Amino acid sequence: MIYAILIIALIISLWKWWSYKCLSIGLIYFASIEHRWDIDDEELKKILEYSMKRIIKDFLRIKH
């Protein structure tokens, strides 16, 4: 029973961390559209790719 509670707590904490990171990427995308920043699709893809790679590196660093 205790293991189930610990696993649920771990899943919730990872979900909150992951949703926070995804929200920050979404806010970058929204701000670029809303404020009409001159970012083309290729540049936006590079930004999103870098952000996702950074998120995965941070996640793996926390996990170990």
N, C-alpha and C. Protein backbone atom coordinates (compact mmCIF):
# COMPACT_ATOMS: atom_id res chain seq x y z
N MET A 1 0.83 -1.19 0.00
CA MET A 1 0.00 0.00 0.00
C MET A 1 0.87 1.26 0.00
N ILE A 2 1.93 1.24 0.79
CA ILE A 2 2.81 2.40 0.86
C ILE A 2 3.50 2.62 -0.48
N TYR A 3 3.88 1.51 -1.14
CA TYR A 3 4.52 1.64 -2.45
C TYR A 3 3.59 2.27 -3.46
N ALA A 4 2.32 1.93 -3.40
CA ALA A 4 1.34 2.51 -4.32
C ALA A 4 1.23 4.02 -4.10
N ILE A 5 1.22 4.43 -2.86
CA ILE A 5 1.14 5.87 -2.54
C ILE A 5 2.39 6.58 -3.03
N LEU A 6 3.56 5.98 -2.83
CA LEU A 6 4.80 6.59 -3.30
C LEU A 6 4.84 6.69 -4.82
N ILE A 7 4.37 5.66 -5.50
CA ILE A 7 4.35 5.68 -6.97
C ILE A 7 3.39 6.75 -7.47
N ILE A 8 2.22 6.86 -6.84
CA ILE A 8 1.26 7.90 -7.23
C ILE A 8 1.84 9.28 -6.99
N ALA A 9 2.51 9.48 -5.86
CA ALA A 9 3.13 10.77 -5.57
C ALA A 9 4.22 11.10 -6.60
N LEU A 10 4.99 10.09 -6.99
CA LEU A 10 6.03 10.30 -8.00
C LEU A 10 5.42 10.68 -9.34
N ILE A 11 4.37 9.98 -9.74
CA ILE A 11 3.71 10.28 -11.01
C ILE A 11 3.14 11.69 -11.00
N ILE A 12 2.51 12.09 -9.90
CA ILE A 12 1.95 13.44 -9.81
C ILE A 12 3.05 14.49 -9.88
N SER A 13 4.15 14.28 -9.17
CA SER A 13 5.23 15.27 -9.19
C SER A 13 5.86 15.38 -10.58
N LEU A 14 6.06 14.23 -11.25
CA LEU A 14 6.61 14.27 -12.61
C LEU A 14 5.64 14.92 -13.57
N TRP A 15 4.34 14.67 -13.38
CA TRP A 15 3.33 15.27 -14.26
C TRP A 15 3.33 16.79 -14.09
N LYS A 16 3.39 17.25 -12.85
CA LYS A 16 3.42 18.70 -12.61
C LYS A 16 4.67 19.31 -13.23
N TRP A 17 5.81 18.67 -13.07
CA TRP A 17 7.07 19.19 -13.63
C TRP A 17 6.99 19.21 -15.14
N TRP A 18 6.50 18.12 -15.74
CA TRP A 18 6.42 18.03 -17.20
C TRP A 18 5.43 19.05 -17.75
N SER A 19 4.27 19.21 -17.08
CA SER A 19 3.26 20.16 -17.58
C SER A 19 3.80 21.58 -17.47
N TYR A 20 4.58 21.88 -16.43
CA TYR A 20 5.18 23.21 -16.32
C TYR A 20 6.12 23.48 -17.48
N LYS A 21 6.95 22.50 -17.82
CA LYS A 21 7.89 22.68 -18.94
C LYS A 21 7.14 22.83 -20.26
N CYS A 22 6.11 22.02 -20.47
CA CYS A 22 5.33 22.12 -21.71
C CYS A 22 4.61 23.45 -21.79
N LEU A 23 4.12 23.94 -20.66
CA LEU A 23 3.46 25.25 -20.66
C LEU A 23 4.43 26.35 -21.02
N SER A 24 5.66 26.26 -20.55
CA SER A 24 6.64 27.30 -20.88
C SER A 24 6.94 27.31 -22.38
N ILE A 25 7.01 26.13 -23.00
CA ILE A 25 7.21 26.07 -24.45
C ILE A 25 6.00 26.63 -25.17
N GLY A 26 4.81 26.28 -24.69
CA GLY A 26 3.58 26.81 -25.28
C GLY A 26 3.50 28.31 -25.18
N LEU A 27 3.96 28.86 -24.06
CA LEU A 27 3.95 30.31 -23.89
C LEU A 27 4.91 31.00 -24.86
N ILE A 28 6.05 30.39 -25.14
CA ILE A 28 6.97 30.94 -26.13
C ILE A 28 6.29 31.00 -27.49
N TYR A 29 5.61 29.90 -27.84
CA TYR A 29 4.92 29.84 -29.13
C TYR A 29 3.80 30.88 -29.19
N PHE A 30 3.00 30.97 -28.12
CA PHE A 30 1.90 31.92 -28.09
C PHE A 30 2.40 33.35 -28.16
N ALA A 31 3.46 33.65 -27.42
CA ALA A 31 4.01 35.01 -27.44
C ALA A 31 4.54 35.37 -28.81
N SER A 32 5.13 34.42 -29.50
CA SER A 32 5.65 34.71 -30.84
C SER A 32 4.51 35.02 -31.81
N ILE A 33 3.38 34.36 -31.65
CA ILE A 33 2.23 34.63 -32.52
C ILE A 33 1.53 35.92 -32.10
N GLU A 34 1.28 36.06 -30.81
CA GLU A 34 0.50 37.19 -30.30
C GLU A 34 1.21 38.52 -30.54
N HIS A 35 2.50 38.56 -30.31
CA HIS A 35 3.24 39.82 -30.44
C HIS A 35 3.86 39.99 -31.82
N ARG A 36 3.51 39.07 -32.72
CA ARG A 36 3.96 39.13 -34.12
C ARG A 36 5.48 39.25 -34.23
N TRP A 37 6.16 38.44 -33.42
CA TRP A 37 7.61 38.37 -33.57
C TRP A 37 7.91 37.77 -34.93
N ASP A 38 8.97 38.21 -35.52
CA ASP A 38 9.30 37.74 -36.87
C ASP A 38 10.09 36.43 -36.78
N ILE A 39 9.38 35.37 -36.42
CA ILE A 39 10.01 34.06 -36.31
C ILE A 39 9.39 33.17 -37.37
N ASP A 40 10.20 32.67 -38.27
CA ASP A 40 9.66 31.77 -39.29
C ASP A 40 9.52 30.35 -38.73
N ASP A 41 8.89 29.48 -39.49
CA ASP A 41 8.61 28.12 -39.01
C ASP A 41 9.88 27.33 -38.70
N GLU A 42 10.91 27.48 -39.52
CA GLU A 42 12.15 26.74 -39.28
C GLU A 42 12.80 27.16 -37.97
N GLU A 43 12.82 28.46 -37.72
CA GLU A 43 13.42 28.97 -36.49
C GLU A 43 12.61 28.51 -35.27
N LEU A 44 11.28 28.53 -35.42
CA LEU A 44 10.43 28.08 -34.33
C LEU A 44 10.64 26.59 -34.04
N LYS A 45 10.80 25.79 -35.08
CA LYS A 45 11.07 24.36 -34.89
C LYS A 45 12.39 24.16 -34.16
N LYS A 46 13.41 24.97 -34.50
CA LYS A 46 14.70 24.85 -33.81
C LYS A 46 14.56 25.20 -32.33
N ILE A 47 13.79 26.25 -32.04
CA ILE A 47 13.58 26.66 -30.65
C ILE A 47 12.87 25.54 -29.88
N LEU A 48 11.82 24.98 -30.48
CA LEU A 48 11.07 23.91 -29.81
C LEU A 48 11.92 22.66 -29.64
N GLU A 49 12.72 22.32 -30.66
CA GLU A 49 13.61 21.16 -30.55
C GLU A 49 14.61 21.34 -29.42
N TYR A 50 15.23 22.53 -29.36
CA TYR A 50 16.20 22.80 -28.30
C TYR A 50 15.53 22.72 -26.94
N SER A 51 14.33 23.29 -26.84
CA SER A 51 13.62 23.27 -25.56
C SER A 51 13.30 21.85 -25.13
N MET A 52 12.84 21.03 -26.07
CA MET A 52 12.50 19.65 -25.72
C MET A 52 13.75 18.85 -25.33
N LYS A 53 14.86 19.07 -26.04
CA LYS A 53 16.11 18.39 -25.67
C LYS A 53 16.55 18.81 -24.28
N ARG A 54 16.40 20.08 -23.98
CA ARG A 54 16.78 20.60 -22.66
C ARG A 54 15.90 20.00 -21.57
N ILE A 55 14.60 19.88 -21.87
CA ILE A 55 13.68 19.29 -20.90
C ILE A 55 14.07 17.84 -20.62
N ILE A 56 14.38 17.10 -21.66
CA ILE A 56 14.75 15.69 -21.48
C ILE A 56 16.05 15.57 -20.69
N LYS A 57 17.02 16.44 -20.98
CA LYS A 57 18.28 16.41 -20.22
C LYS A 57 18.02 16.71 -18.75
N ASP A 58 17.18 17.72 -18.47
CA ASP A 58 16.85 18.06 -17.09
C ASP A 58 16.13 16.90 -16.40
N PHE A 59 15.22 16.26 -17.13
CA PHE A 59 14.47 15.14 -16.57
C PHE A 59 15.41 13.99 -16.21
N LEU A 60 16.34 13.67 -17.10
CA LEU A 60 17.27 12.58 -16.83
C LEU A 60 18.22 12.93 -15.69
N ARG A 61 18.57 14.20 -15.57
CA ARG A 61 19.44 14.63 -14.48
C ARG A 61 18.72 14.49 -13.14
N ILE A 62 17.44 14.83 -13.10
CA ILE A 62 16.66 14.70 -11.87
C ILE A 62 16.48 13.23 -11.51
N LYS A 63 16.26 12.41 -12.52
CA LYS A 63 15.99 10.99 -12.29
C LYS A 63 17.19 10.27 -11.68
N HIS A 64 18.41 10.68 -12.02
CA HIS A 64 19.60 9.98 -11.52
C HIS A 64 20.08 10.58 -10.25
